[in-house]
Amino acid sequence: MLSDKIDFLQSYNPKALSALIADRVRRRRLSANLTQQALSIRSGVSLGTLKRFENLHEISLKHLLMLAVALQATDEFSELFPDPPYRDIDDVLKEQQVKKRQRGRKKA
């Protein structure tokens, strides 16, 4: 049981997640019958950056989003980091009372 939890956690570390996302992008590219060169042109991401991502799983967020747009996979990004669900009415009331952080300095 503990080993199952450890395996689960190890499969979702940053390196593993990067590899999983890179593999999904590669599979989506191939299913769209696109070469790396074609996806590079379509997305505006350099060929070297795309190759590095597919092979080494390294990419900037900006370039990842550009690939997502080109592969029509932007909906998935809207699911990242959702607001935490309210547990009860007190959570709703507390959120309404939270003051927005002010920018700049007040004039004396």
C-alpha atoms as a PDB file:
ATOM      1  CA  MET A   1       0.000   0.000   0.000  1.00  0.00           C
ATOM      2  CA  LEU A   2       2.784   2.440   0.887  1.00  0.00           C
ATOM      3  CA  SER A   3       4.701   1.453  -2.242  1.00  0.00           C
ATOM      4  CA  ASP A   4       1.616   2.304  -4.347  1.00  0.00           C
ATOM      5  CA  LYS A   5       1.532   5.795  -2.814  1.00  0.00           C
ATOM      6  CA  ILE A   6       5.255   6.261  -3.415  1.00  0.00           C
ATOM      7  CA  ASP A   7       4.895   5.138  -7.042  1.00  0.00           C
ATOM      8  CA  PHE A   8       1.990   7.547  -7.506  1.00  0.00           C
ATOM      9  CA  LEU A   9       3.948  10.471  -6.049  1.00  0.00           C
ATOM     10  CA  GLN A  10       7.055   9.649  -8.083  1.00  0.00           C
ATOM     11  CA  SER A  11       5.021   9.565 -11.293  1.00  0.00           C
ATOM     12  CA  TYR A  12       3.822  13.105 -10.640  1.00  0.00           C
ATOM     13  CA  ASN A  13       7.060  14.876  -9.869  1.00  0.00           C
ATOM     14  CA  PRO A  14       8.030  17.787 -12.168  1.00  0.00           C
ATOM     15  CA  LYS A  15      10.310  15.676 -14.375  1.00  0.00           C
ATOM     16  CA  ALA A  16       7.693  12.978 -14.848  1.00  0.00           C
ATOM     17  CA  LEU A  17       4.980  15.527 -15.576  1.00  0.00           C
ATOM     18  CA  SER A  18       7.200  17.282 -18.120  1.00  0.00           C
ATOM     19  CA  ALA A  19       7.851  13.972 -19.857  1.00  0.00           C
ATOM     20  CA  LEU A  20       4.141  13.124 -19.829  1.00  0.00           C
ATOM     21  CA  ILE A  21       3.193  16.483 -21.350  1.00  0.00           C
ATOM     22  CA  ALA A  22       5.951  16.283 -23.977  1.00  0.00           C
ATOM     23  CA  ASP A  23       4.769  12.807 -24.948  1.00  0.00           C
ATOM     24  CA  ARG A  24       1.182  14.017 -25.247  1.00  0.00           C
ATOM     25  CA  VAL A  25       2.258  16.913 -27.451  1.00  0.00           C
ATOM     26  CA  ARG A  26       4.253  14.528 -29.653  1.00  0.00           C
ATOM     27  CA  ARG A  27       1.290  12.120 -29.939  1.00  0.00           C
ATOM     28  CA  ARG A  28      -1.084  14.998 -30.721  1.00  0.00           C
ATOM     29  CA  ARG A  29       1.350  16.283 -33.361  1.00  0.00           C
ATOM     30  CA  LEU A  30       1.592  12.848 -34.948  1.00  0.00           C
ATOM     31  CA  SER A  31      -2.172  12.288 -34.875  1.00  0.00           C
ATOM     32  CA  ALA A  32      -2.549  15.608 -36.694  1.00  0.00           C
ATOM     33  CA  ASN A  33      -0.060  14.238 -39.237  1.00  0.00           C
ATOM     34  CA  LEU A  34       2.388  17.078 -38.588  1.00  0.00           C
ATOM     35  CA  THR A  35       6.144  16.886 -38.738  1.00  0.00           C
ATOM     36  CA  GLN A  36       8.189  18.743 -36.170  1.00  0.00           C
ATOM     37  CA  GLN A  37       9.021  21.272 -38.889  1.00  0.00           C
ATOM     38  CA  ALA A  38       5.332  21.781 -39.751  1.00  0.00           C
ATOM     39  CA  LEU A  39       4.346  22.252 -36.105  1.00  0.00           C
ATOM     40  CA  SER A  40       7.255  24.618 -35.643  1.00  0.00           C
ATOM     41  CA  ILE A  41       6.021  26.789 -38.508  1.00  0.00           C
ATOM     42  CA  ARG A  42       2.369  26.577 -37.464  1.00  0.00           C
ATOM     43  CA  SER A  43       3.078  27.453 -33.825  1.00  0.00           C
ATOM     44  CA  GLY A  44       5.894  29.967 -34.208  1.00  0.00           C
ATOM     45  CA  VAL A  45       8.074  27.876 -31.879  1.00  0.00           C
ATOM     46  CA  SER A  46      11.549  27.267 -33.241  1.00  0.00           C
ATOM     47  CA  LEU A  47      12.351  23.780 -34.451  1.00  0.00           C
ATOM     48  CA  GLY A  48      15.191  23.515 -31.924  1.00  0.00           C
ATOM     49  CA  THR A  49      12.856  24.401 -29.055  1.00  0.00           C
ATOM     50  CA  LEU A  50      10.303  21.830 -30.206  1.00  0.00           C
ATOM     51  CA  LYS A  51      12.974  19.119 -30.549  1.00  0.00           C
ATOM     52  CA  ARG A  52      14.373  19.955 -27.103  1.00  0.00           C
ATOM     53  CA  PHE A  53      10.880  19.692 -25.634  1.00  0.00           C
ATOM     54  CA  GLU A  54      10.087  16.345 -27.251  1.00  0.00           C
ATOM     55  CA  ASN A  55      13.496  14.892 -26.355  1.00  0.00           C
ATOM     56  CA  LEU A  56      14.529  16.559 -23.089  1.00  0.00           C
ATOM     57  CA  HIS A  57      11.086  17.714 -21.886  1.00  0.00           C
ATOM     58  CA  GLU A  58      12.244  21.310 -21.397  1.00  0.00           C
ATOM     59  CA  ILE A  59      10.164  24.267 -22.599  1.00  0.00           C
ATOM     60  CA  SER A  60       9.039  27.697 -21.441  1.00  0.00           C
ATOM     61  CA  LEU A  61       5.424  28.285 -20.556  1.00  0.00           C
ATOM     62  CA  LYS A  62       5.125  30.773 -23.418  1.00  0.00           C
ATOM     63  CA  HIS A  63       6.265  28.197 -25.978  1.00  0.00           C
ATOM     64  CA  LEU A  64       4.116  25.480 -24.454  1.00  0.00           C
ATOM     65  CA  LEU A  65       1.085  27.738 -24.824  1.00  0.00           C
ATOM     66  CA  MET A  66       2.032  28.506 -28.425  1.00  0.00           C
ATOM     67  CA  LEU A  67       2.143  24.760 -29.141  1.00  0.00           C
ATOM     68  CA  ALA A  68      -1.204  24.284 -27.391  1.00  0.00           C
ATOM     69  CA  VAL A  69      -2.792  26.950 -29.603  1.00  0.00           C
ATOM     70  CA  ALA A  70      -1.377  25.341 -32.747  1.00  0.00           C
ATOM     71  CA  LEU A  71      -2.608  21.894 -31.643  1.00  0.00           C
ATOM     72  CA  GLN A  72      -5.993  23.229 -30.486  1.00  0.00           C
ATOM     73  CA  ALA A  73      -5.370  22.122 -26.913  1.00  0.00           C
ATOM     74  CA  THR A  74      -5.873  25.355 -24.972  1.00  0.00           C
ATOM     75  CA  ASP A  75      -8.977  24.202 -23.084  1.00  0.00           C
ATOM     76  CA  GLU A  76      -6.813  22.050 -20.850  1.00  0.00           C
ATOM     77  CA  PHE A  77      -5.004  25.127 -19.524  1.00  0.00           C
ATOM     78  CA  SER A  78      -8.244  26.621 -18.228  1.00  0.00           C
ATOM     79  CA  GLU A  79      -8.490  23.653 -15.868  1.00  0.00           C
ATOM     80  CA  LEU A  80      -5.152  24.404 -14.185  1.00  0.00           C
ATOM     81  CA  PHE A  81      -5.221  25.846 -10.675  1.00  0.00           C
ATOM     82  CA  PRO A  82      -8.973  26.174 -10.163  1.00  0.00           C
ATOM     83  CA  ASP A  83     -10.224  28.204  -7.222  1.00  0.00           C
ATOM     84  CA  PRO A  84     -10.589  26.036  -4.138  1.00  0.00           C
ATOM     85  CA  PRO A  85     -14.159  24.976  -3.492  1.00  0.00           C
ATOM     86  CA  TYR A  86     -16.069  26.569  -0.665  1.00  0.00           C
ATOM     87  CA  ARG A  87     -16.516  24.279   2.321  1.00  0.00           C
ATOM     88  CA  ASP A  88     -19.287  26.286   3.900  1.00  0.00           C
ATOM     89  CA  ILE A  89     -20.938  29.708   3.998  1.00  0.00           C
ATOM     90  CA  ASP A  90     -18.185  31.000   6.296  1.00  0.00           C
ATOM     91  CA  ASP A  91     -15.658  30.521   3.473  1.00  0.00           C
ATOM     92  CA  VAL A  92     -17.828  32.666   1.189  1.00  0.00           C
ATOM     93  CA  LEU A  93     -18.139  35.397   3.791  1.00  0.00           C
ATOM     94  CA  LYS A  94     -14.399  35.357   4.539  1.00  0.00           C
ATOM     95  CA  GLU A  95     -13.559  35.746   0.854  1.00  0.00           C
ATOM     96  CA  GLN A  96     -15.840  38.776   0.595  1.00  0.00           C
ATOM     97  CA  GLN A  97     -14.078  40.376   3.561  1.00  0.00           C
ATOM     98  CA  VAL A  98     -10.569  39.937   2.161  1.00  0.00           C
ATOM     99  CA  LYS A  99      -9.234  43.331   1.191  1.00  0.00           C
ATOM    100  CA  LYS A 100      -7.465  43.752  -2.098  1.00  0.00           C
ATOM    101  CA  ARG A 101      -3.791  44.549  -1.777  1.00  0.00           C
ATOM    102  CA  GLN A 102      -3.163  48.168  -2.605  1.00  0.00           C
ATOM    103  CA  ARG A 103      -0.484  49.198  -5.067  1.00  0.00           C
ATOM    104  CA  GLY A 104       1.524  52.335  -4.744  1.00  0.00           C
ATOM    105  CA  ARG A 105       1.809  54.679  -1.799  1.00  0.00           C
ATOM    106  CA  LYS A 106      -0.845  56.730  -0.164  1.00  0.00           C
ATOM    107  CA  LYS A 107      -0.357  60.469  -0.371  1.00  0.00           C
ATOM    108  CA  ALA A 108       0.063  62.206   2.956  1.00  0.00           C
END
